[in-house]
Amino acid sequence: MSGSASVAQRRHIGLQQLEAASASTHTFLGPNKHLKFIRDEDAGDSVLVSTCPRLLQRLELDGSVGQLLHETVQAQQRLFHSGTGALVFLAGVWSRVALECLNRGMSVLDIKTAMSKALEVSLQVCKHSAVSVREVRPGPALKPAGRDTTQCNLKHSRHFSSQTESTKTDITSIADAVSHGCKTSMRLVLKACMLQSREDAQNSSLDIQKLVACSIPGPSEERSCVLHGYVTLLPVQQASVLQSLQGQRLNIALVSGDLCEKYRHVGFNRPAHITHITHCVSSASLEERWIENALKILHEFGVGVVLVHGTVDVKLKDRCSSVLVIEGVESTVVKDFSACTGAVPVSYITQLDERCVGRGVTVSRCEEHESVRIEAASSSLVTAVITSSVPAKLQILEDEFWSCAHRLHHALKDGKLLRGSGITEILCIQKLHQHQHQQTETGNPQENLVLELMAEAWMDYVSTLMLNSGSVASKAEAWTAIAHQMRRYEDGEPMVRAFRDLFAAGVYDNMTVKCEAWRRALDLVLLVLQSDTEIITGGSEDLYNDLMYL
């Protein structure tokens, strides 16, 4: 019996685990996500999740396959904040394809080659079916009354530099197209875009690097808004400090690490062969001396605001009676205030001197949110203040906001979109069927099998999407409807008309995000396939050496 035949008859546990893990996330596919409660038995608390990254964060993924899945999803999330639902779903159904091919006696190398070709066919479909963002029709659902958020136009944007001066693209239409049902969150994104454009007339696109989110429990969701500057929760002990600083132009200091006596920067090495004599000076005395020195430095340079990337010594914060100290500030915010005020970030407060101090900052209190707003006049930094009277929903709302922001950002960056609601995937099914017929004629039954199974995987994806959206009562009904609409399209009926009975009009997906999610999903499946094979065979056969790694 050949090595490939023996592998085909043994259990590929990794692929089975990947398929099972994927099945738990199917309800996250599409706009109508079903929430899941995750309970921590040890801690006794529960959390509400609605996305694959949040679910995988909360699950105990001890096995290597679970860890690989988690790392792959996190990589997609960090870069795009979108596409993870499709990634996990496809990893599951494509694992099933690989298992079926193994059961049919195909070699691992042939499976890898054929599945990679099928993916390439699908990616070519994306390339040829993509539409320019300028072809996206206006969607009135996102256009609120008033002038503030309706006239965000792209003109002379770096993404459309080849267009003439009079050419404009209505960003509201693009936002509506990629909102995926998250209308409220996308309105906040549009407001952020409008505020950024006011501050920087040369840049009419959404700058993710100058966008911050601040989640505040208590107020209702209708209180959510977007404000110019940096907004964060106001520490209770600093309320009186803020009151005394309002209405003034303040100096600002930026600290890139922790603001405490024991902090040492990354890479710090203590000098060797040095003995420290500490019996005369207690650690409490060292801390007290450090606090007094820090307060002296802040007073000497007239600093009114300190933004700290890390944490702040509690005792120092309590002693700052005339300085507003904010900890846990994102590095992008520190960078923006540095550029707009002239402040130079320091690792230690003792490094602060006249050249490192920035100027021209104002602070104000947002009464209804119990938060503080810090502004620099020339900054285009904006903050989305996300509120909810249900604390468990805050993380969901913030994730939804960031997903909308990144979808709009990548739509503008790519300049192209793919038709959503499963239409692009149906075009992939059609193209795979065409290639399948060609392989039948040329006599390659193994590749023909893979093309057929990959087409069925896309059918599973689209039918699940339809089931979750409520347009059908079962997957079987979805498969029947899809087959009927595909026949209409193949008979020459225009795409929009052929599929209008099944899918929502005006819904689009990001091209780069979708293609990258597909690639990551197949890379993951092939890596697990290789790992399973090496475990079964002892990794001794050259047959498996050509498989790709993540």
Protein backbone atom coordinates (compact mmCIF):
# COMPACT_ATOMS: atom_id res chain seq x y z
CA MET A 1 0.00 0.00 0.00
CA SER A 2 1.38 3.44 -0.95
CA GLY A 3 2.05 6.15 1.65
CA SER A 4 -0.77 8.33 0.35
CA ALA A 5 -3.25 5.44 0.44
CA SER A 6 -2.31 4.62 3.99
CA VAL A 7 -2.73 8.24 5.01
CA ALA A 8 -6.14 8.33 3.36
CA GLN A 9 -7.36 5.51 5.58
CA ARG A 10 -6.19 7.00 8.88
CA ARG A 11 -7.79 9.68 10.98
CA HIS A 12 -6.76 13.29 10.42
CA ILE A 13 -7.68 14.58 13.87
CA GLY A 14 -6.47 18.14 13.20
CA LEU A 15 -8.76 18.66 10.22
CA GLN A 16 -11.68 17.25 12.19
CA GLN A 17 -10.95 19.60 15.08
CA LEU A 18 -10.74 22.56 12.71
CA GLU A 19 -14.09 21.65 11.18
CA ALA A 20 -15.69 21.29 14.62
CA ALA A 21 -14.28 24.61 15.89
CA SER A 22 -15.57 26.36 12.78
CA ALA A 23 -19.08 25.01 13.29
CA SER A 24 -19.41 26.92 16.58
CA THR A 25 -19.05 30.24 14.75
CA HIS A 26 -21.55 29.77 11.90
CA THR A 27 -24.10 32.04 13.58
CA PHE A 28 -21.64 34.95 13.31
CA LEU A 29 -21.80 34.88 9.49
CA GLY A 30 -23.76 37.70 7.88
CA PRO A 31 -25.28 40.92 9.26
CA ASN A 32 -27.78 39.28 11.65
CA LYS A 33 -25.32 37.83 14.14
CA HIS A 34 -26.62 35.66 16.97
CA LEU A 35 -24.93 36.56 20.24
CA LYS A 36 -23.33 33.92 22.44
CA PHE A 37 -22.87 33.91 26.21
CA ILE A 38 -19.50 32.57 27.32
CA ARG A 39 -19.32 31.62 30.99
CA ASP A 40 -16.05 31.33 32.91
CA GLU A 41 -16.69 28.57 35.45
CA ASP A 42 -13.59 29.45 37.49
CA ALA A 43 -14.22 33.18 37.74
CA GLY A 44 -17.99 32.82 37.77
CA ASP A 45 -18.58 35.65 35.27
CA SER A 46 -20.07 35.71 31.79
CA VAL A 47 -19.41 37.72 28.67
CA LEU A 48 -21.48 38.42 25.57
CA VAL A 49 -19.69 37.87 22.23
CA SER A 50 -20.71 38.37 18.61
CA THR A 51 -17.50 37.86 16.63
CA CYS A 52 -15.03 35.05 16.01
CA PRO A 53 -12.04 36.87 17.57
CA ARG A 54 -13.93 37.51 20.83
CA LEU A 55 -15.23 33.94 20.96
CA LEU A 56 -11.79 32.39 20.41
CA GLN A 57 -10.28 34.71 23.03
CA ARG A 58 -12.66 33.30 25.62
CA LEU A 59 -12.42 29.62 24.76
CA GLU A 60 -9.77 27.38 26.27
CA LEU A 61 -7.85 26.41 23.16
CA ASP A 62 -5.22 24.06 24.51
CA GLY A 63 -4.56 22.08 21.34
CA SER A 64 -2.23 23.12 18.55
CA VAL A 65 -5.07 23.36 16.00
CA GLY A 66 -7.05 25.69 18.24
CA GLN A 67 -3.98 27.87 18.77
CA LEU A 68 -3.30 28.00 15.03
CA LEU A 69 -6.91 28.99 14.36
CA HIS A 70 -6.75 31.68 17.05
CA GLU A 71 -3.48 33.11 15.73
CA THR A 72 -4.78 33.15 12.15
CA VAL A 73 -7.97 34.95 13.17
CA GLN A 74 -6.07 37.47 15.29
CA ALA A 75 -3.73 38.23 12.37
CA GLN A 76 -6.75 38.97 10.14
CA GLN A 77 -8.41 41.02 12.87
CA ARG A 78 -5.35 43.15 13.63
CA LEU A 79 -4.92 44.07 9.98
CA PHE A 80 -8.51 44.43 8.76
CA HIS A 81 -10.94 44.25 11.74
CA SER A 82 -13.20 42.35 9.33
CA GLY A 83 -13.50 39.09 7.41
CA THR A 84 -12.91 36.75 10.36
CA GLY A 85 -16.34 35.13 10.12
CA ALA A 86 -15.73 34.10 6.51
CA LEU A 87 -12.19 32.97 7.36
CA VAL A 88 -13.29 30.59 10.12
CA PHE A 89 -16.27 29.29 8.15
CA LEU A 90 -14.14 28.53 5.09
CA ALA A 91 -11.42 26.91 7.19
CA GLY A 92 -14.10 24.51 8.41
CA VAL A 93 -15.72 23.63 5.09
CA TRP A 94 -12.36 23.40 3.31
CA SER A 95 -11.15 21.02 6.03
CA ARG A 96 -14.13 18.88 5.10
CA VAL A 97 -13.07 19.08 1.45
CA ALA A 98 -9.56 17.90 2.32
CA LEU A 99 -10.92 15.03 4.43
CA GLU A 100 -13.22 13.90 1.64
CA CYS A 101 -10.32 13.96 -0.83
CA LEU A 102 -8.25 11.83 1.56
CA ASN A 103 -11.12 9.37 1.86
CA ARG A 104 -11.24 9.15 -1.94
CA GLY A 105 -7.55 8.15 -2.00
CA MET A 106 -5.98 11.39 -3.20
CA SER A 107 -2.40 12.17 -2.19
CA VAL A 108 -1.73 15.13 0.06
CA LEU A 109 0.35 16.84 -2.61
CA ASP A 110 -2.44 16.47 -5.19
CA ILE A 111 -4.97 17.82 -2.70
CA LYS A 112 -2.79 20.83 -1.99
CA THR A 113 -2.25 21.53 -5.69
CA ALA A 114 -5.90 21.17 -6.65
CA MET A 115 -7.28 23.20 -3.73
CA SER A 116 -4.76 25.96 -4.40
CA LYS A 117 -5.85 26.05 -8.03
CA ALA A 118 -9.51 26.23 -7.01
CA LEU A 119 -8.73 29.16 -4.74
CA GLU A 120 -6.84 30.90 -7.53
CA VAL A 121 -9.89 30.50 -9.78
CA SER A 122 -12.02 32.15 -7.07
CA LEU A 123 -9.53 34.99 -6.62
CA GLN A 124 -9.59 35.63 -10.36
CA VAL A 125 -13.37 35.91 -10.12
CA CYS A 126 -12.90 38.65 -7.51
CA LYS A 127 -10.40 40.44 -9.72
CA HIS A 128 -12.68 40.46 -12.76
CA SER A 129 -15.99 41.13 -10.98
CA ALA A 130 -14.80 44.00 -8.77
CA VAL A 131 -16.54 47.35 -9.33
CA SER A 132 -15.14 50.81 -8.80
CA VAL A 133 -16.39 52.67 -5.74
CA ARG A 134 -17.56 55.32 -8.19
CA GLU A 135 -20.15 52.86 -9.50
CA VAL A 136 -21.74 52.42 -6.08
CA ARG A 137 -25.22 53.89 -6.10
CA PRO A 138 -26.27 56.29 -3.31
CA GLY A 139 -28.03 54.68 -0.39
CA PRO A 140 -30.41 57.04 1.45
CA ALA A 141 -30.46 54.97 4.65
CA LEU A 142 -27.28 56.55 5.98
CA LYS A 143 -28.11 60.15 5.10
CA PRO A 144 -29.38 61.87 8.24
CA ALA A 145 -31.05 65.25 8.16
CA GLY A 146 -28.76 68.24 8.30
CA ARG A 147 -25.56 69.25 6.57
CA ASP A 148 -23.02 67.74 8.98
CA THR A 149 -22.77 64.21 7.67
CA THR A 150 -24.25 64.32 4.18
CA GLN A 151 -21.60 66.05 2.12
CA CYS A 152 -18.44 64.11 2.75
CA ASN A 153 -16.91 64.02 -0.70
CA LEU A 154 -13.62 62.65 -1.97
CA LYS A 155 -11.77 65.21 -4.04
CA HIS A 156 -8.05 65.14 -4.76
CA SER A 157 -7.75 62.20 -2.36
CA ARG A 158 -4.53 60.23 -2.62
CA HIS A 159 -6.71 57.24 -3.48
CA PHE A 160 -8.15 58.98 -6.54
CA SER A 161 -5.27 61.15 -7.70
CA SER A 162 -5.82 60.16 -11.33
CA GLN A 163 -9.27 61.77 -11.45
CA THR A 164 -9.96 65.30 -12.64
CA GLU A 165 -10.54 68.14 -10.20
CA SER A 166 -14.27 68.20 -10.79
CA THR A 167 -14.69 64.48 -10.11
CA LYS A 168 -16.09 63.66 -6.67
CA THR A 169 -17.15 60.48 -4.94
CA ASP A 170 -19.92 60.58 -2.37
CA ILE A 171 -18.42 58.81 0.63
CA THR A 172 -21.88 58.39 2.14
CA SER A 173 -22.86 56.00 -0.66
CA ILE A 174 -19.70 53.94 -0.13
CA ALA A 175 -20.29 53.85 3.63
CA ASP A 176 -23.86 52.67 3.09
CA ALA A 177 -22.64 49.93 0.75
CA VAL A 178 -20.19 48.48 3.30
CA SER A 179 -22.21 49.14 6.47
CA HIS A 180 -23.52 45.52 6.48
CA GLY A 181 -26.54 46.50 8.51
CA CYS A 182 -24.59 48.47 11.14
CA LYS A 183 -26.23 51.79 10.28
CA THR A 184 -25.74 53.48 13.66
CA SER A 185 -22.04 52.65 13.87
CA MET A 186 -21.44 53.71 10.29
CA ARG A 187 -23.07 57.08 10.98
CA LEU A 188 -20.48 57.60 13.71
CA VAL A 189 -17.75 56.71 11.21
CA LEU A 190 -19.12 59.22 8.70
CA LYS A 191 -19.20 61.91 11.38
CA ALA A 192 -15.56 61.13 12.19
CA CYS A 193 -14.65 61.42 8.52
CA MET A 194 -16.40 64.78 8.31
CA LEU A 195 -14.58 66.13 11.39
CA GLN A 196 -11.22 64.97 10.05
CA SER A 197 -11.92 66.63 6.71
CA ARG A 198 -12.68 69.94 8.43
CA GLU A 199 -9.30 69.88 10.13
CA ASP A 200 -7.39 68.75 7.02
CA ALA A 201 -8.91 70.03 3.79
CA GLN A 202 -6.30 68.17 1.70
CA ASN A 203 -7.34 64.79 3.03
CA SER A 204 -10.97 63.80 2.46
CA SER A 205 -10.56 60.11 3.28
CA LEU A 206 -10.85 58.37 6.64
CA ASP A 207 -7.56 58.31 8.58
CA ILE A 208 -7.74 55.28 10.88
CA GLN A 209 -4.55 56.36 12.66
CA LYS A 210 -6.31 59.48 13.89
CA LEU A 211 -9.45 57.78 15.10
CA VAL A 212 -10.02 56.69 18.70
CA ALA A 213 -12.94 54.99 20.46
CA CYS A 214 -13.97 55.60 24.06
CA SER A 215 -16.58 53.28 25.61
CA ILE A 216 -18.60 54.74 28.48
CA PRO A 217 -21.18 52.70 30.43
CA GLY A 218 -24.33 54.36 31.72
CA PRO A 219 -25.81 56.71 29.10
CA SER A 220 -28.13 55.24 26.48
CA GLU A 221 -26.86 54.30 23.03
CA GLU A 222 -28.51 57.41 21.58
CA ARG A 223 -25.90 59.47 23.47
CA SER A 224 -23.07 58.06 21.35
CA CYS A 225 -21.30 60.78 19.40
CA VAL A 226 -18.04 61.81 17.73
CA LEU A 227 -15.93 64.66 19.10
CA HIS A 228 -12.81 66.42 17.94
CA GLY A 229 -9.75 65.64 20.05
CA TYR A 230 -8.96 62.88 22.50
CA VAL A 231 -11.80 61.84 24.81
CA THR A 232 -11.38 59.45 27.73
CA LEU A 233 -13.05 58.62 31.02
CA LEU A 234 -12.37 61.22 33.70
CA PRO A 235 -10.64 59.80 36.79
CA VAL A 236 -12.68 60.73 39.87
CA GLN A 237 -9.66 62.05 41.74
CA GLN A 238 -8.83 64.38 38.84
CA ALA A 239 -12.23 66.07 38.52
CA SER A 240 -11.21 69.11 40.57
CA VAL A 241 -7.94 69.38 38.61
CA LEU A 242 -9.83 69.47 35.34
CA GLN A 243 -12.15 72.16 36.69
CA SER A 244 -9.21 74.45 37.42
CA LEU A 245 -7.58 73.90 34.02
CA GLN A 246 -10.56 74.55 31.73
CA GLY A 247 -10.38 77.61 29.52
CA GLN A 248 -6.57 77.77 29.52
CA ARG A 249 -3.93 77.01 26.88
CA LEU A 250 -1.79 74.40 28.55
CA ASN A 251 1.63 72.82 28.20
CA ILE A 252 1.71 69.07 27.66
CA ALA A 253 4.20 66.28 28.41
CA LEU A 254 4.16 62.85 26.78
CA VAL A 255 5.49 59.70 28.46
CA SER A 256 6.00 56.64 26.25
CA GLY A 257 6.22 54.09 29.09
CA ASP A 258 4.97 53.81 32.69
CA LEU A 259 5.14 56.82 34.97
CA CYS A 260 6.47 55.21 38.13
CA GLU A 261 9.76 54.87 39.99
CA LYS A 262 10.33 51.20 39.17
CA TYR A 263 9.74 51.49 35.43
CA ARG A 264 12.62 50.61 33.08
CA HIS A 265 12.38 50.76 29.29
CA VAL A 266 12.44 47.64 27.11
CA GLY A 267 16.01 46.46 26.60
CA PHE A 268 17.30 48.04 29.81
CA ASN A 269 20.15 46.06 31.33
CA ARG A 270 21.35 46.72 34.84
CA PRO A 271 25.12 47.25 35.03
CA ALA A 272 27.00 44.15 36.13
CA HIS A 273 29.33 43.88 39.13
CA ILE A 274 27.59 46.68 41.04
CA THR A 275 26.41 46.16 44.61
CA HIS A 276 23.48 48.27 45.76
CA ILE A 277 23.48 49.22 49.44
CA THR A 278 19.84 49.79 50.40
CA HIS A 279 19.73 49.27 54.15
CA CYS A 280 19.94 53.01 54.75
CA VAL A 281 17.27 53.97 52.22
CA SER A 282 13.95 52.10 52.14
CA SER A 283 12.02 51.48 48.93
CA ALA A 284 9.29 53.78 50.30
CA SER A 285 11.81 56.57 50.67
CA LEU A 286 13.06 56.03 47.12
CA GLU A 287 9.52 56.25 45.80
CA GLU A 288 8.81 59.38 47.82
CA ARG A 289 11.95 61.08 46.54
CA TRP A 290 11.03 60.12 42.98
CA ILE A 291 7.50 61.56 43.37
CA GLU A 292 8.82 64.83 44.75
CA ASN A 293 11.30 65.09 41.90
CA ALA A 294 8.58 64.35 39.31
CA LEU A 295 6.28 67.02 40.76
CA LYS A 296 9.13 69.50 40.80
CA ILE A 297 9.90 68.88 37.12
CA LEU A 298 6.25 69.23 36.09
CA HIS A 299 5.97 72.48 38.02
CA GLU A 300 9.24 73.84 36.67
CA PHE A 301 8.11 73.54 33.06
CA GLY A 302 4.51 74.57 33.72
CA VAL A 303 3.03 71.28 32.52
CA GLY A 304 -0.76 71.13 32.79
CA VAL A 305 -1.43 67.82 31.01
CA VAL A 306 0.54 64.56 31.00
CA LEU A 307 -0.44 61.76 28.61
CA VAL A 308 1.09 58.42 29.61
CA HIS A 309 1.12 55.39 27.34
CA GLY A 310 1.47 52.98 30.28
CA THR A 311 0.34 53.14 33.92
CA VAL A 312 0.84 55.90 36.48
CA ASP A 313 2.00 55.62 40.08
CA VAL A 314 -1.15 55.95 42.22
CA LYS A 315 0.55 58.14 44.83
CA LEU A 316 1.85 60.49 42.17
CA LYS A 317 -1.59 60.83 40.65
CA ASP A 318 -3.07 61.66 44.07
CA ARG A 319 -0.41 64.36 44.60
CA CYS A 320 -1.00 66.08 41.24
CA SER A 321 -3.27 68.90 42.36
CA SER A 322 -2.66 71.11 39.31
CA VAL A 323 -1.74 68.60 36.59
CA LEU A 324 -4.16 66.38 34.64
CA VAL A 325 -2.54 62.95 34.31
CA ILE A 326 -4.11 60.45 31.89
CA GLU A 327 -2.80 56.87 31.68
CA GLY A 328 -3.32 54.09 29.14
CA VAL A 329 -3.16 56.44 26.15
CA GLU A 330 -2.82 54.74 22.75
CA SER A 331 0.51 55.16 20.99
CA THR A 332 -1.24 56.72 17.97
CA VAL A 333 -2.69 59.42 20.24
CA VAL A 334 0.72 60.13 21.77
CA LYS A 335 2.18 60.40 18.27
CA ASP A 336 -0.55 62.81 17.12
CA PHE A 337 -0.14 65.15 20.11
CA SER A 338 3.61 65.05 19.56
CA ALA A 339 3.19 66.17 15.94
CA CYS A 340 0.62 68.88 16.72
CA THR A 341 2.10 70.42 19.89
CA GLY A 342 5.82 69.89 19.40
CA ALA A 343 6.05 67.70 22.50
CA VAL A 344 8.75 65.02 22.47
CA PRO A 345 7.76 61.72 24.15
CA VAL A 346 10.14 60.69 26.95
CA SER A 347 10.69 57.32 28.59
CA TYR A 348 11.28 58.82 32.05
CA ILE A 349 9.93 62.00 33.60
CA THR A 350 13.49 62.95 34.57
CA GLN A 351 14.29 63.33 30.87
CA LEU A 352 11.76 66.11 30.49
CA ASP A 353 13.19 69.52 29.58
CA GLU A 354 12.05 72.68 27.81
CA ARG A 355 12.46 71.14 24.34
CA CYS A 356 10.25 68.16 25.21
CA VAL A 357 7.27 70.20 26.40
CA GLY A 358 4.42 70.80 23.93
CA ARG A 359 2.13 73.81 23.90
CA GLY A 360 -1.37 74.92 22.95
CA VAL A 361 -3.52 72.17 24.50
CA THR A 362 -7.01 72.77 25.92
CA VAL A 363 -9.13 70.55 28.15
CA SER A 364 -12.86 70.44 28.76
CA ARG A 365 -15.34 68.26 30.58
CA CYS A 366 -18.11 66.37 28.78
CA GLU A 367 -20.76 66.53 31.47
CA GLU A 368 -23.23 64.04 30.03
CA HIS A 369 -20.50 61.40 29.56
CA GLU A 370 -18.38 62.14 32.64
CA SER A 371 -15.34 62.27 30.40
CA VAL A 372 -12.52 64.67 29.58
CA ARG A 373 -11.71 66.04 26.14
CA ILE A 374 -8.15 67.08 25.31
CA GLU A 375 -7.62 69.05 22.11
CA ALA A 376 -4.81 70.51 20.04
CA ALA A 377 -5.92 73.15 17.55
CA SER A 378 -4.17 71.76 14.47
CA SER A 379 -4.98 68.08 15.14
CA SER A 380 -7.39 66.01 13.06
CA LEU A 381 -7.66 63.42 15.84
CA VAL A 382 -11.28 62.51 16.62
CA THR A 383 -12.87 60.23 19.20
CA ALA A 384 -16.01 58.15 18.85
CA VAL A 385 -17.73 58.14 22.24
CA ILE A 386 -19.69 54.88 22.44
CA THR A 387 -22.28 54.60 25.19
CA SER A 388 -24.78 52.01 26.39
CA SER A 389 -26.92 51.48 29.46
CA VAL A 390 -26.12 47.75 29.09
CA PRO A 391 -22.43 47.32 30.00
CA ALA A 392 -22.28 43.88 28.34
CA LYS A 393 -23.03 45.51 24.96
CA LEU A 394 -20.23 48.08 25.06
CA GLN A 395 -17.53 45.81 23.67
CA ILE A 396 -19.89 44.61 20.94
CA LEU A 397 -20.72 48.18 19.94
CA GLU A 398 -17.06 49.20 19.92
CA ASP A 399 -16.10 46.17 17.80
CA GLU A 400 -18.94 47.03 15.42
CA PHE A 401 -17.71 50.62 15.13
CA TRP A 402 -14.13 49.57 14.34
CA SER A 403 -15.35 47.04 11.81
CA CYS A 404 -17.33 49.76 10.01
CA ALA A 405 -14.40 52.18 10.15
CA HIS A 406 -11.99 49.67 8.65
CA ARG A 407 -14.44 48.55 5.95
CA LEU A 408 -14.87 52.16 4.83
CA HIS A 409 -11.12 52.80 5.09
CA HIS A 410 -10.25 49.79 2.93
CA ALA A 411 -13.01 50.58 0.43
CA LEU A 412 -11.44 54.01 -0.12
CA LYS A 413 -7.94 52.58 -0.13
CA ASP A 414 -8.71 49.81 -2.67
CA GLY A 415 -10.94 51.97 -4.83
CA LYS A 416 -12.85 48.76 -5.64
CA LEU A 417 -15.59 46.69 -4.05
CA LEU A 418 -17.09 43.24 -4.54
CA ARG A 419 -20.80 42.58 -4.69
CA GLY A 420 -21.90 41.26 -1.32
CA SER A 421 -24.70 39.07 0.05
CA GLY A 422 -23.02 36.00 -1.46
CA ILE A 423 -23.16 37.12 -5.10
CA THR A 424 -19.36 37.02 -5.52
CA GLU A 425 -19.27 33.52 -4.04
CA ILE A 426 -22.00 32.38 -6.47
CA LEU A 427 -19.87 33.67 -9.34
CA CYS A 428 -17.04 31.55 -7.90
CA ILE A 429 -19.33 28.50 -7.97
CA GLN A 430 -20.17 29.16 -11.61
CA LYS A 431 -16.50 29.56 -12.59
CA LEU A 432 -15.50 26.40 -10.71
CA HIS A 433 -18.22 24.48 -12.57
CA GLN A 434 -16.81 25.77 -15.86
CA HIS A 435 -13.32 24.58 -14.91
CA GLN A 436 -14.81 21.27 -13.77
CA HIS A 437 -16.30 20.70 -17.22
CA GLN A 438 -12.95 21.51 -18.80
CA GLN A 439 -11.19 18.99 -16.54
CA THR A 440 -13.76 16.35 -17.47
CA GLU A 441 -12.84 16.84 -21.11
CA THR A 442 -9.09 16.70 -20.46
CA GLY A 443 -9.37 13.67 -18.20
CA ASN A 444 -8.16 14.80 -14.76
CA PRO A 445 -10.64 13.14 -12.36
CA GLN A 446 -8.82 14.09 -9.15
CA GLU A 447 -8.74 17.80 -9.91
CA ASN A 448 -12.32 17.51 -11.10
CA LEU A 449 -13.29 16.09 -7.70
CA VAL A 450 -11.65 18.95 -5.81
CA LEU A 451 -13.31 21.59 -8.01
CA GLU A 452 -16.69 19.96 -7.35
CA LEU A 453 -16.12 19.82 -3.58
CA MET A 454 -14.86 23.43 -3.46
CA ALA A 455 -17.98 24.56 -5.34
CA GLU A 456 -20.11 22.71 -2.78
CA ALA A 457 -18.19 24.46 0.00
CA TRP A 458 -19.11 27.83 -1.53
CA MET A 459 -22.73 26.66 -1.74
CA ASP A 460 -22.59 25.83 1.96
CA TYR A 461 -21.21 29.31 2.67
CA VAL A 462 -23.89 31.14 0.67
CA SER A 463 -26.73 28.99 2.01
CA THR A 464 -25.61 29.64 5.60
CA LEU A 465 -25.48 33.35 4.82
CA MET A 466 -29.04 33.22 3.49
CA LEU A 467 -30.27 31.17 6.45
CA ASN A 468 -28.75 33.59 8.96
CA SER A 469 -30.24 36.57 7.14
CA GLY A 470 -33.73 35.06 7.39
CA SER A 471 -34.37 34.97 3.63
CA VAL A 472 -34.86 31.17 3.69
CA ALA A 473 -36.14 28.67 6.24
CA SER A 474 -33.50 25.99 5.64
CA LYS A 475 -30.23 25.32 3.85
CA ALA A 476 -32.02 22.96 1.49
CA GLU A 477 -34.32 25.79 0.42
CA ALA A 478 -31.30 28.01 -0.05
CA TRP A 479 -29.52 25.46 -2.26
CA THR A 480 -32.61 25.13 -4.45
CA ALA A 481 -33.00 28.90 -4.76
CA ILE A 482 -29.31 29.40 -5.59
CA ALA A 483 -29.40 26.71 -8.28
CA HIS A 484 -32.48 28.32 -9.84
CA GLN A 485 -30.94 31.80 -9.88
CA MET A 486 -27.67 30.47 -11.31
CA ARG A 487 -29.56 28.92 -14.21
CA ARG A 488 -31.17 32.29 -14.93
CA TYR A 489 -27.76 33.95 -14.90
CA GLU A 490 -26.20 31.28 -17.13
CA ASP A 491 -29.10 31.72 -19.58
CA GLY A 492 -27.97 35.30 -20.12
CA GLU A 493 -30.00 37.28 -17.60
CA PRO A 494 -28.03 40.23 -16.12
CA MET A 495 -26.45 39.53 -12.72
CA VAL A 496 -28.35 42.15 -10.76
CA ARG A 497 -31.70 40.99 -12.12
CA ALA A 498 -30.90 37.27 -11.79
CA PHE A 499 -29.96 37.50 -8.13
CA ARG A 500 -32.28 40.29 -6.95
CA ASP A 501 -34.85 37.85 -5.58
CA LEU A 502 -32.25 36.32 -3.26
CA PHE A 503 -29.95 39.06 -2.07
CA ALA A 504 -30.12 42.56 -0.68
CA ALA A 505 -29.34 45.22 -3.26
CA GLY A 506 -26.54 47.69 -2.70
CA VAL A 507 -24.48 45.48 -0.35
CA TYR A 508 -20.75 45.28 -1.05
CA ASP A 509 -17.65 43.68 0.48
CA ASN A 510 -14.04 44.82 0.64
CA MET A 511 -11.94 43.20 -2.06
CA THR A 512 -8.61 43.03 -0.22
CA VAL A 513 -10.20 41.91 3.05
CA LYS A 514 -12.18 39.12 1.41
CA CYS A 515 -9.29 37.81 -0.68
CA GLU A 516 -6.91 37.82 2.27
CA ALA A 517 -9.44 35.98 4.45
CA TRP A 518 -9.77 33.29 1.78
CA ARG A 519 -6.00 32.91 1.48
CA ARG A 520 -5.52 32.67 5.24
CA ALA A 521 -8.29 30.06 5.49
CA LEU A 522 -6.73 27.78 2.88
CA ASP A 523 -3.22 28.28 4.27
CA LEU A 524 -4.50 27.19 7.67
CA VAL A 525 -6.22 24.08 6.25
CA LEU A 526 -3.12 23.04 4.32
CA LEU A 527 -0.89 23.57 7.34
CA VAL A 528 -3.14 21.39 9.52
CA LEU A 529 -3.30 18.81 6.71
CA GLN A 530 0.49 18.71 6.62
CA SER A 531 0.76 18.49 10.42
CA ASP A 532 -1.71 15.61 10.53
CA THR A 533 0.16 13.83 7.77
CA GLU A 534 3.54 14.19 9.47
CA ILE A 535 2.11 12.80 12.70
CA ILE A 536 0.64 9.80 10.86
CA THR A 537 3.65 9.06 8.66
CA GLY A 538 6.41 10.24 10.98
CA GLY A 539 7.27 13.01 8.53
CA SER A 540 9.58 10.75 6.56
CA GLU A 541 8.02 10.93 3.12
CA ASP A 542 9.19 13.49 0.57
CA LEU A 543 5.64 13.56 -0.70
CA TYR A 544 4.64 16.10 1.95
CA ASN A 545 7.62 18.42 1.88
CA ASP A 546 6.16 20.77 -0.70
CA LEU A 547 3.22 21.92 1.44
CA MET A 548 2.99 25.58 2.32
CA TYR A 549 3.38 27.13 5.77
CA LEU A 550 1.47 30.05 7.25
